[in-house]
PDB file of N, CA and C in Angstrom:
ATOM      1  N   MET A   1      23.200 -43.515  -6.527  1.00  0.00           N
ATOM      2  CA  MET A   1      22.053 -44.335  -6.840  1.00  0.00           C
ATOM      3  C   MET A   1      22.514 -45.789  -6.936  1.00  0.00           C
ATOM      4  N   LEU A   2      21.728 -46.676  -6.371  1.00  0.00           N
ATOM      5  CA  LEU A   2      22.035 -48.095  -6.474  1.00  0.00           C
ATOM      6  C   LEU A   2      21.729 -48.577  -7.875  1.00  0.00           C
ATOM      7  N   GLU A   3      22.603 -49.442  -8.369  1.00  0.00           N
ATOM      8  CA  GLU A   3      22.362 -50.018  -9.691  1.00  0.00           C
ATOM      9  C   GLU A   3      22.089 -51.500  -9.537  1.00  0.00           C
ATOM     10  N   SER A   4      21.071 -51.968 -10.215  1.00  0.00           N
ATOM     11  CA  SER A   4      20.816 -53.392 -10.229  1.00  0.00           C
ATOM     12  C   SER A   4      21.773 -54.018 -11.229  1.00  0.00           C
ATOM     13  N   PRO A   5      22.032 -55.327 -11.136  1.00  0.00           N
ATOM     14  CA  PRO A   5      22.906 -55.966 -12.117  1.00  0.00           C
ATOM     15  C   PRO A   5      22.444 -55.730 -13.543  1.00  0.00           C
ATOM     16  N   ALA A   6      21.146 -55.621 -13.754  1.00  0.00           N
ATOM     17  CA  ALA A   6      20.643 -55.433 -15.117  1.00  0.00           C
ATOM     18  C   ALA A   6      21.026 -54.077 -15.688  1.00  0.00           C
ATOM     19  N   THR A   7      21.231 -53.068 -14.834  1.00  0.00           N
ATOM     20  CA  THR A   7      21.590 -51.757 -15.360  1.00  0.00           C
ATOM     21  C   THR A   7      23.065 -51.678 -15.697  1.00  0.00           C
ATOM     22  N   THR A   8      23.850 -52.646 -15.256  1.00  0.00           N
ATOM     23  CA  THR A   8      25.270 -52.636 -15.566  1.00  0.00           C
ATOM     24  C   THR A   8      25.603 -53.590 -16.715  1.00  0.00           C
ATOM     25  N   ASP A   9      24.598 -54.218 -17.314  1.00  0.00           N
ATOM     26  CA  ASP A   9      24.795 -55.088 -18.472  1.00  0.00           C
ATOM     27  C   ASP A   9      25.226 -54.221 -19.644  1.00  0.00           C
ATOM     28  N   ARG A  10      26.460 -54.389 -20.063  1.00  0.00           N
ATOM     29  CA  ARG A  10      26.985 -53.555 -21.137  1.00  0.00           C
ATOM     30  C   ARG A  10      27.026 -54.308 -22.472  1.00  0.00           C
ATOM     31  N   SER A  11      26.338 -55.437 -22.545  1.00  0.00           N
ATOM     32  CA  SER A  11      26.299 -56.185 -23.792  1.00  0.00           C
ATOM     33  C   SER A  11      25.500 -55.414 -24.829  1.00  0.00           C
ATOM     34  N   PRO A  12      25.816 -55.603 -26.110  1.00  0.00           N
ATOM     35  CA  PRO A  12      25.034 -54.919 -27.147  1.00  0.00           C
ATOM     36  C   PRO A  12      23.540 -55.237 -27.064  1.00  0.00           C
ATOM     37  N   ALA A  13      23.209 -56.478 -26.753  1.00  0.00           N
ATOM     38  CA  ALA A  13      21.789 -56.857 -26.670  1.00  0.00           C
ATOM     39  C   ALA A  13      21.108 -56.132 -25.514  1.00  0.00           C
ATOM     40  N   GLY A  14      21.758 -56.073 -24.366  1.00  0.00           N
ATOM     41  CA  GLY A  14      21.192 -55.376 -23.213  1.00  0.00           C
ATOM     42  C   GLY A  14      21.029 -53.893 -23.476  1.00  0.00           C
ATOM     43  N   THR A  15      22.011 -53.315 -24.134  1.00  0.00           N
ATOM     44  CA  THR A  15      21.941 -51.893 -24.479  1.00  0.00           C
ATOM     45  C   THR A  15      20.789 -51.627 -25.432  1.00  0.00           C
ATOM     46  N   ARG A  16      20.606 -52.502 -26.419  1.00  0.00           N
ATOM     47  CA  ARG A  16      19.511 -52.319 -27.381  1.00  0.00           C
ATOM     48  C   ARG A  16      18.152 -52.402 -26.695  1.00  0.00           C
ATOM     49  N   VAL A  17      18.012 -53.350 -25.786  1.00  0.00           N
ATOM     50  CA  VAL A  17      16.737 -53.507 -25.076  1.00  0.00           C
ATOM     51  C   VAL A  17      16.437 -52.255 -24.254  1.00  0.00           C
ATOM     52  N   LEU A  18      17.419 -51.792 -23.490  1.00  0.00           N
ATOM     53  CA  LEU A  18      17.202 -50.590 -22.683  1.00  0.00           C
ATOM     54  C   LEU A  18      16.926 -49.376 -23.558  1.00  0.00           C
ATOM     55  N   ASP A  19      17.666 -49.221 -24.650  1.00  0.00           N
ATOM     56  CA  ASP A  19      17.446 -48.085 -25.543  1.00  0.00           C
ATOM     57  C   ASP A  19      16.055 -48.132 -26.171  1.00  0.00           C
ATOM     58  N   ALA A  20      15.627 -49.326 -26.583  1.00  0.00           N
ATOM     59  CA  ALA A  20      14.298 -49.459 -27.187  1.00  0.00           C
ATOM     60  C   ALA A  20      13.208 -49.134 -26.164  1.00  0.00           C
ATOM     61  N   ALA A  21      13.367 -49.633 -24.940  1.00  0.00           N
ATOM     62  CA  ALA A  21      12.377 -49.365 -23.896  1.00  0.00           C
ATOM     63  C   ALA A  21      12.332 -47.878 -23.569  1.00  0.00           C
ATOM     64  N   LYS A  22      13.493 -47.241 -23.492  1.00  0.00           N
ATOM     65  CA  LYS A  22      13.515 -45.799 -23.258  1.00  0.00           C
ATOM     66  C   LYS A  22      12.801 -45.076 -24.400  1.00  0.00           C
ATOM     67  N   GLY A  23      13.031 -45.513 -25.623  1.00  0.00           N
ATOM     68  CA  GLY A  23      12.373 -44.900 -26.777  1.00  0.00           C
ATOM     69  C   GLY A  23      10.865 -45.002 -26.707  1.00  0.00           C
ATOM     70  N   VAL A  24      10.365 -46.142 -26.267  1.00  0.00           N
ATOM     71  CA  VAL A  24       8.915 -46.316 -26.111  1.00  0.00           C
ATOM     72  C   VAL A  24       8.380 -45.286 -25.127  1.00  0.00           C
ATOM     73  N   LEU A  25       9.061 -45.131 -24.005  1.00  0.00           N
ATOM     74  CA  LEU A  25       8.580 -44.180 -23.004  1.00  0.00           C
ATOM     75  C   LEU A  25       8.713 -42.737 -23.475  1.00  0.00           C
ATOM     76  N   VAL A  26       9.764 -42.435 -24.234  1.00  0.00           N
ATOM     77  CA  VAL A  26       9.920 -41.085 -24.780  1.00  0.00           C
ATOM     78  C   VAL A  26       8.719 -40.738 -25.650  1.00  0.00           C
ATOM     79  N   VAL A  27       8.282 -41.681 -26.457  1.00  0.00           N
ATOM     80  CA  VAL A  27       7.137 -41.438 -27.335  1.00  0.00           C
ATOM     81  C   VAL A  27       5.837 -41.356 -26.531  1.00  0.00           C
ATOM     82  N   LEU A  28       5.638 -42.305 -25.634  1.00  0.00           N
ATOM     83  CA  LEU A  28       4.376 -42.344 -24.890  1.00  0.00           C
ATOM     84  C   LEU A  28       4.249 -41.226 -23.865  1.00  0.00           C
ATOM     85  N   ARG A  29       5.336 -40.914 -23.204  1.00  0.00           N
ATOM     86  CA  ARG A  29       5.301 -39.900 -22.142  1.00  0.00           C
ATOM     87  C   ARG A  29       5.726 -38.512 -22.619  1.00  0.00           C
ATOM     88  N   ARG A  30       6.317 -38.474 -23.821  1.00  0.00           N
ATOM     89  CA  ARG A  30       6.882 -37.213 -24.328  1.00  0.00           C
ATOM     90  C   ARG A  30       7.884 -36.647 -23.333  1.00  0.00           C
ATOM     91  N   CYS A  31       8.799 -37.523 -22.933  1.00  0.00           N
ATOM     92  CA  CYS A  31       9.820 -37.154 -21.963  1.00  0.00           C
ATOM     93  C   CYS A  31      11.203 -37.296 -22.597  1.00  0.00           C
ATOM     94  N   THR A  32      12.234 -36.975 -21.845  1.00  0.00           N
ATOM     95  CA  THR A  32      13.599 -37.131 -22.336  1.00  0.00           C
ATOM     96  C   THR A  32      14.063 -38.564 -22.126  1.00  0.00           C
ATOM     97  N   MET A  33      15.162 -38.906 -22.778  1.00  0.00           N
ATOM     98  CA  MET A  33      15.740 -40.243 -22.584  1.00  0.00           C
ATOM     99  C   MET A  33      16.151 -40.435 -21.118  1.00  0.00           C
ATOM    100  N   ALA A  34      16.682 -39.398 -20.508  1.00  0.00           N
ATOM    101  CA  ALA A  34      17.096 -39.488 -19.101  1.00  0.00           C
ATOM    102  C   ALA A  34      15.886 -39.725 -18.197  1.00  0.00           C
ATOM    103  N   GLU A  35      14.795 -39.046 -18.472  1.00  0.00           N
ATOM    104  CA  GLU A  35      13.580 -39.249 -17.682  1.00  0.00           C
ATOM    105  C   GLU A  35      13.015 -40.648 -17.889  1.00  0.00           C
ATOM    106  N   ALA A  36      13.075 -41.136 -19.117  1.00  0.00           N
ATOM    107  CA  ALA A  36      12.597 -42.494 -19.403  1.00  0.00           C
ATOM    108  C   ALA A  36      13.437 -43.527 -18.665  1.00  0.00           C
ATOM    109  N   PHE A  37      14.756 -43.337 -18.666  1.00  0.00           N
ATOM    110  CA  PHE A  37      15.638 -44.268 -17.967  1.00  0.00           C
ATOM    111  C   PHE A  37      15.363 -44.225 -16.466  1.00  0.00           C
ATOM    112  N   ALA A  38      15.156 -43.030 -15.924  1.00  0.00           N
ATOM    113  CA  ALA A  38      14.844 -42.909 -14.498  1.00  0.00           C
ATOM    114  C   ALA A  38      13.537 -43.621 -14.165  1.00  0.00           C
ATOM    115  N   GLU A  39      12.560 -43.547 -15.068  1.00  0.00           N
ATOM    116  CA  GLU A  39      11.286 -44.233 -14.844  1.00  0.00           C
ATOM    117  C   GLU A  39      11.467 -45.745 -14.855  1.00  0.00           C
ATOM    118  N   ILE A  40      12.256 -46.243 -15.788  1.00  0.00           N
ATOM    119  CA  ILE A  40      12.537 -47.686 -15.835  1.00  0.00           C
ATOM    120  C   ILE A  40      13.201 -48.134 -14.536  1.00  0.00           C
ATOM    121  N   LEU A  41      14.188 -47.371 -14.081  1.00  0.00           N
ATOM    122  CA  LEU A  41      14.870 -47.706 -12.829  1.00  0.00           C
ATOM    123  C   LEU A  41      13.913 -47.662 -11.643  1.00  0.00           C
ATOM    124  N   ALA A  42      13.006 -46.680 -11.634  1.00  0.00           N
ATOM    125  CA  ALA A  42      12.051 -46.566 -10.530  1.00  0.00           C
ATOM    126  C   ALA A  42      11.091 -47.756 -10.500  1.00  0.00           C
ATOM    127  N   VAL A  43      10.611 -48.165 -11.666  1.00  0.00           N
ATOM    128  CA  VAL A  43       9.708 -49.330 -11.722  1.00  0.00           C
ATOM    129  C   VAL A  43      10.462 -50.581 -11.290  1.00  0.00           C
ATOM    130  N   ALA A  44      11.674 -50.736 -11.766  1.00  0.00           N
ATOM    131  CA  ALA A  44      12.483 -51.904 -11.377  1.00  0.00           C
ATOM    132  C   ALA A  44      12.706 -51.931  -9.869  1.00  0.00           C
ATOM    133  N   ALA A  45      13.008 -50.786  -9.283  1.00  0.00           N
ATOM    134  CA  ALA A  45      13.224 -50.723  -7.835  1.00  0.00           C
ATOM    135  C   ALA A  45      11.932 -50.983  -7.066  1.00  0.00           C
ATOM    136  N   ARG A  46      10.832 -50.404  -7.539  1.00  0.00           N
ATOM    137  CA  ARG A  46       9.545 -50.573  -6.855  1.00  0.00           C
ATOM    138  C   ARG A  46       9.148 -52.039  -6.778  1.00  0.00           C
ATOM    139  N   TYR A  47       9.403 -52.784  -7.852  1.00  0.00           N
ATOM    140  CA  TYR A  47       9.002 -54.187  -7.897  1.00  0.00           C
ATOM    141  C   TYR A  47      10.160 -55.141  -7.603  1.00  0.00           C
ATOM    142  N   GLN A  48      11.322 -54.585  -7.274  1.00  0.00           N
ATOM    143  CA  GLN A  48      12.505 -55.360  -6.913  1.00  0.00           C
ATOM    144  C   GLN A  48      12.884 -56.374  -7.991  1.00  0.00           C
ATOM    145  N   ILE A  49      12.941 -55.879  -9.223  1.00  0.00           N
ATOM    146  CA  ILE A  49      13.391 -56.695 -10.347  1.00  0.00           C
ATOM    147  C   ILE A  49      14.410 -55.892 -11.132  1.00  0.00           C
ATOM    148  N   GLY A  50      15.130 -56.525 -12.010  1.00  0.00           N
ATOM    149  CA  GLY A  50      16.153 -55.845 -12.780  1.00  0.00           C
ATOM    150  C   GLY A  50      15.575 -54.905 -13.830  1.00  0.00           C
ATOM    151  N   ALA A  51      16.321 -53.850 -14.099  1.00  0.00           N
ATOM    152  CA  ALA A  51      15.891 -52.877 -15.102  1.00  0.00           C
ATOM    153  C   ALA A  51      15.826 -53.495 -16.496  1.00  0.00           C
ATOM    154  N   LEU A  52      16.730 -54.400 -16.807  1.00  0.00           N
ATOM    155  CA  LEU A  52      16.704 -55.048 -18.110  1.00  0.00           C
ATOM    156  C   LEU A  52      15.467 -55.931 -18.247  1.00  0.00           C
ATOM    157  N   ALA A  53      15.115 -56.641 -17.187  1.00  0.00           N
ATOM    158  CA  ALA A  53      13.921 -57.503 -17.222  1.00  0.00           C
ATOM    159  C   ALA A  53      12.661 -56.679 -17.413  1.00  0.00           C
ATOM    160  N   VAL A  54      12.552 -55.552 -16.707  1.00  0.00           N
ATOM    161  CA  VAL A  54      11.351 -54.724 -16.856  1.00  0.00           C
ATOM    162  C   VAL A  54      11.353 -54.037 -18.227  1.00  0.00           C
ATOM    163  N   SER A  55      12.524 -53.740 -18.760  1.00  0.00           N
ATOM    164  CA  SER A  55      12.603 -53.164 -20.110  1.00  0.00           C
ATOM    165  C   SER A  55      12.116 -54.162 -21.156  1.00  0.00           C
ATOM    166  N   LYS A  56      12.551 -55.410 -21.022  1.00  0.00           N
ATOM    167  CA  LYS A  56      12.078 -56.456 -21.942  1.00  0.00           C
ATOM    168  C   LYS A  56      10.565 -56.610 -21.846  1.00  0.00           C
ATOM    169  N   ALA A  57      10.046 -56.567 -20.627  1.00  0.00           N
ATOM    170  CA  ALA A  57       8.597 -56.703 -20.432  1.00  0.00           C
ATOM    171  C   ALA A  57       7.848 -55.520 -21.038  1.00  0.00           C
ATOM    172  N   LEU A  58       8.416 -54.320 -20.952  1.00  0.00           N
ATOM    173  CA  LEU A  58       7.794 -53.159 -21.588  1.00  0.00           C
ATOM    174  C   LEU A  58       7.735 -53.350 -23.101  1.00  0.00           C
ATOM    175  N   LEU A  59       8.796 -53.877 -23.678  1.00  0.00           N
ATOM    176  CA  LEU A  59       8.789 -54.123 -25.125  1.00  0.00           C
ATOM    177  C   LEU A  59       7.762 -55.184 -25.494  1.00  0.00           C
ATOM    178  N   GLU A  60       7.624 -56.210 -24.674  1.00  0.00           N
ATOM    179  CA  GLU A  60       6.595 -57.230 -24.914  1.00  0.00           C
ATOM    180  C   GLU A  60       5.198 -56.606 -24.847  1.00  0.00           C
ATOM    181  N   LEU A  61       5.005 -55.729 -23.877  1.00  0.00           N
ATOM    182  CA  LEU A  61       3.722 -55.039 -23.744  1.00  0.00           C
ATOM    183  C   LEU A  61       3.459 -54.178 -24.977  1.00  0.00           C
ATOM    184  N   THR A  62       4.483 -53.515 -25.457  1.00  0.00           N
ATOM    185  CA  THR A  62       4.367 -52.678 -26.648  1.00  0.00           C
ATOM    186  C   THR A  62       3.939 -53.495 -27.862  1.00  0.00           C
ATOM    187  N   GLU A  63       4.478 -54.707 -27.954  1.00  0.00           N
ATOM    188  CA  GLU A  63       4.169 -55.582 -29.080  1.00  0.00           C
ATOM    189  C   GLU A  63       2.867 -56.347 -28.873  1.00  0.00           C
ATOM    190  N   GLY A  64       2.249 -56.192 -27.716  1.00  0.00           N
ATOM    191  CA  GLY A  64       1.008 -56.900 -27.431  1.00  0.00           C
ATOM    192  C   GLY A  64       1.211 -58.380 -27.177  1.00  0.00           C
ATOM    193  N   ARG A  65       2.424 -58.764 -26.732  1.00  0.00           N
ATOM    194  CA  ARG A  65       2.737 -60.188 -26.577  1.00  0.00           C
ATOM    195  C   ARG A  65       2.618 -60.699 -25.155  1.00  0.00           C
ATOM    196  N   GLN A  66       2.180 -59.903 -24.207  1.00  0.00           N
ATOM    197  CA  GLN A  66       2.158 -60.417 -22.845  1.00  0.00           C
ATOM    198  C   GLN A  66       0.937 -59.937 -22.093  1.00  0.00           C
ATOM    199  N   THR A  67       0.680 -60.597 -21.002  1.00  0.00           N
ATOM    200  CA  THR A  67      -0.381 -60.186 -20.090  1.00  0.00           C
ATOM    201  C   THR A  67       0.267 -59.855 -18.756  1.00  0.00           C
ATOM    202  N   ASN A  68      -0.523 -59.384 -17.832  1.00  0.00           N
ATOM    203  CA  ASN A  68       0.015 -59.035 -16.524  1.00  0.00           C
ATOM    204  C   ASN A  68       0.264 -60.253 -15.641  1.00  0.00           C
ATOM    205  N   HIS A  69      -0.009 -61.445 -16.131  1.00  0.00           N
ATOM    206  CA  HIS A  69       0.152 -62.646 -15.305  1.00  0.00           C
ATOM    207  C   HIS A  69       1.319 -63.526 -15.744  1.00  0.00           C
ATOM    208  N   ALA A  70       2.167 -63.061 -16.646  1.00  0.00           N
ATOM    209  CA  ALA A  70       3.237 -63.893 -17.192  1.00  0.00           C
ATOM    210  C   ALA A  70       4.408 -64.061 -16.235  1.00  0.00           C
ATOM    211  N   GLY A  71       4.636 -63.137 -15.346  1.00  0.00           N
ATOM    212  CA  GLY A  71       5.742 -63.199 -14.401  1.00  0.00           C
ATOM    213  C   GLY A  71       5.954 -61.834 -13.774  1.00  0.00           C
ATOM    214  N   PRO A  72       6.840 -61.746 -12.783  1.00  0.00           N
ATOM    215  CA  PRO A  72       7.052 -60.469 -12.094  1.00  0.00           C
ATOM    216  C   PRO A  72       7.426 -59.296 -13.019  1.00  0.00           C
ATOM    217  N   PRO A  73       8.349 -59.461 -13.976  1.00  0.00           N
ATOM    218  CA  PRO A  73       8.651 -58.309 -14.841  1.00  0.00           C
ATOM    219  C   PRO A  73       7.452 -57.877 -15.683  1.00  0.00           C
ATOM    220  N   GLN A  74       6.715 -58.841 -16.203  1.00  0.00           N
ATOM    221  CA  GLN A  74       5.551 -58.527 -17.028  1.00  0.00           C
ATOM    222  C   GLN A  74       4.459 -57.863 -16.195  1.00  0.00           C
ATOM    223  N   GLU A  75       4.270 -58.349 -14.982  1.00  0.00           N
ATOM    224  CA  GLU A  75       3.271 -57.740 -14.105  1.00  0.00           C
ATOM    225  C   GLU A  75       3.663 -56.302 -13.771  1.00  0.00           C
ATOM    226  N   ALA A  76       4.948 -56.080 -13.511  1.00  0.00           N
ATOM    227  CA  ALA A  76       5.420 -54.721 -13.214  1.00  0.00           C
ATOM    228  C   ALA A  76       5.196 -53.799 -14.409  1.00  0.00           C
ATOM    229  N   ALA A  77       5.547 -54.259 -15.593  1.00  0.00           N
ATOM    230  CA  ALA A  77       5.359 -53.437 -16.803  1.00  0.00           C
ATOM    231  C   ALA A  77       3.882 -53.158 -17.027  1.00  0.00           C
ATOM    232  N   TYR A  78       3.059 -54.162 -16.843  1.00  0.00           N
ATOM    233  CA  TYR A  78       1.619 -53.989 -17.037  1.00  0.00           C
ATOM    234  C   TYR A  78       1.070 -52.950 -16.069  1.00  0.00           C
ATOM    235  N   ARG A  79       1.435 -53.073 -14.805  1.00  0.00           N
ATOM    236  CA  ARG A  79       0.931 -52.133 -13.796  1.00  0.00           C
ATOM    237  C   ARG A  79       1.442 -50.718 -14.038  1.00  0.00           C
ATOM    238  N   ALA A  80       2.679 -50.603 -14.501  1.00  0.00           N
ATOM    239  CA  ALA A  80       3.279 -49.281 -14.678  1.00  0.00           C
ATOM    240  C   ALA A  80       2.839 -48.597 -15.967  1.00  0.00           C
ATOM    241  N   TRP A  81       2.641 -49.364 -17.049  1.00  0.00           N
ATOM    242  CA  TRP A  81       2.502 -48.728 -18.355  1.00  0.00           C
ATOM    243  C   TRP A  81       1.299 -49.152 -19.201  1.00  0.00           C
ATOM    244  N   ALA A  82       0.539 -50.131 -18.804  1.00  0.00           N
ATOM    245  CA  ALA A  82      -0.589 -50.573 -19.636  1.00  0.00           C
ATOM    246  C   ALA A  82      -1.575 -49.442 -19.892  1.00  0.00           C
ATOM    247  N   ASN A  83      -1.756 -48.562 -18.925  1.00  0.00           N
ATOM    248  CA  ASN A  83      -2.698 -47.450 -19.107  1.00  0.00           C
ATOM    249  C   ASN A  83      -2.280 -46.538 -20.257  1.00  0.00           C
ATOM    250  N   LEU A  84      -0.984 -46.420 -20.531  1.00  0.00           N
ATOM    251  CA  LEU A  84      -0.522 -45.579 -21.636  1.00  0.00           C
ATOM    252  C   LEU A  84      -0.995 -46.135 -22.977  1.00  0.00           C
ATOM    253  N   PHE A  85      -0.987 -47.447 -23.095  1.00  0.00           N
ATOM    254  CA  PHE A  85      -1.444 -48.076 -24.339  1.00  0.00           C
ATOM    255  C   PHE A  85      -2.954 -47.972 -24.477  1.00  0.00           C
ATOM    256  N   GLU A  86      -3.651 -48.028 -23.364  1.00  0.00           N
ATOM    257  CA  GLU A  86      -5.101 -47.855 -23.389  1.00  0.00           C
ATOM    258  C   GLU A  86      -5.449 -46.441 -23.841  1.00  0.00           C
ATOM    259  N   LEU A  87      -4.689 -45.461 -23.375  1.00  0.00           N
ATOM    260  CA  LEU A  87      -4.912 -44.083 -23.809  1.00  0.00           C
ATOM    261  C   LEU A  87      -4.710 -43.933 -25.315  1.00  0.00           C
ATOM    262  N   LEU A  88      -3.739 -44.654 -25.870  1.00  0.00           N
ATOM    263  CA  LEU A  88      -3.534 -44.616 -27.320  1.00  0.00           C
ATOM    264  C   LEU A  88      -4.739 -45.189 -28.057  1.00  0.00           C
ATOM    265  N   ARG A  89      -5.306 -46.280 -27.537  1.00  0.00           N
ATOM    266  CA  ARG A  89      -6.462 -46.892 -28.181  1.00  0.00           C
ATOM    267  C   ARG A  89      -7.676 -45.956 -28.125  1.00  0.00           C
ATOM    268  N   ILE A  90      -7.817 -45.234 -27.038  1.00  0.00           N
ATOM    269  CA  ILE A  90      -8.925 -44.285 -26.921  1.00  0.00           C
ATOM    270  C   ILE A  90      -8.725 -43.124 -27.905  1.00  0.00           C
ATOM    271  N   ALA A  91      -7.503 -42.656 -28.015  1.00  0.00           N
ATOM    272  CA  ALA A  91      -7.210 -41.522 -28.888  1.00  0.00           C
ATOM    273  C   ALA A  91      -7.347 -41.887 -30.368  1.00  0.00           C
ATOM    274  N   ASP A  92      -7.093 -43.167 -30.701  1.00  0.00           N
ATOM    275  CA  ASP A  92      -7.169 -43.624 -32.087  1.00  0.00           C
ATOM    276  C   ASP A  92      -8.061 -44.848 -32.164  1.00  0.00           C
ATOM    277  N   PRO A  93      -9.367 -44.673 -32.146  1.00  0.00           N
ATOM    278  CA  PRO A  93     -10.282 -45.823 -32.109  1.00  0.00           C
ATOM    279  C   PRO A  93     -10.185 -46.722 -33.333  1.00  0.00           C
ATOM    280  N   ALA A  94      -9.559 -46.277 -34.404  1.00  0.00           N
ATOM    281  CA  ALA A  94      -9.422 -47.117 -35.604  1.00  0.00           C
ATOM    282  C   ALA A  94      -8.407 -48.227 -35.395  1.00  0.00           C
ATOM    283  N   SER A  95      -7.539 -48.108 -34.393  1.00  0.00           N
ATOM    284  CA  SER A  95      -6.501 -49.144 -34.196  1.00  0.00           C
ATOM    285  C   SER A  95      -6.988 -50.284 -33.348  1.00  0.00           C
TER     286      SER A  95
END
């Protein structure tokens, strides 16, 4: 499998971002960490951006801090995962 430079970032900050993004997907998709990582890599490859950048954008989306027009990583995260957050709002109308 080809690795983007962002997937080879072994810094503690990069690792934390990827781990947090994988955790978000594990909760939302009810998948394994390996499946979440594969999904992040697939989205990064589909939009030709780094996995770390799309992971950061997923975390921004989780926090409600971005829109789909902020830049390529944010647009990719929005297109790939915004529907999951909408499903949460439908399931819990009090939020």
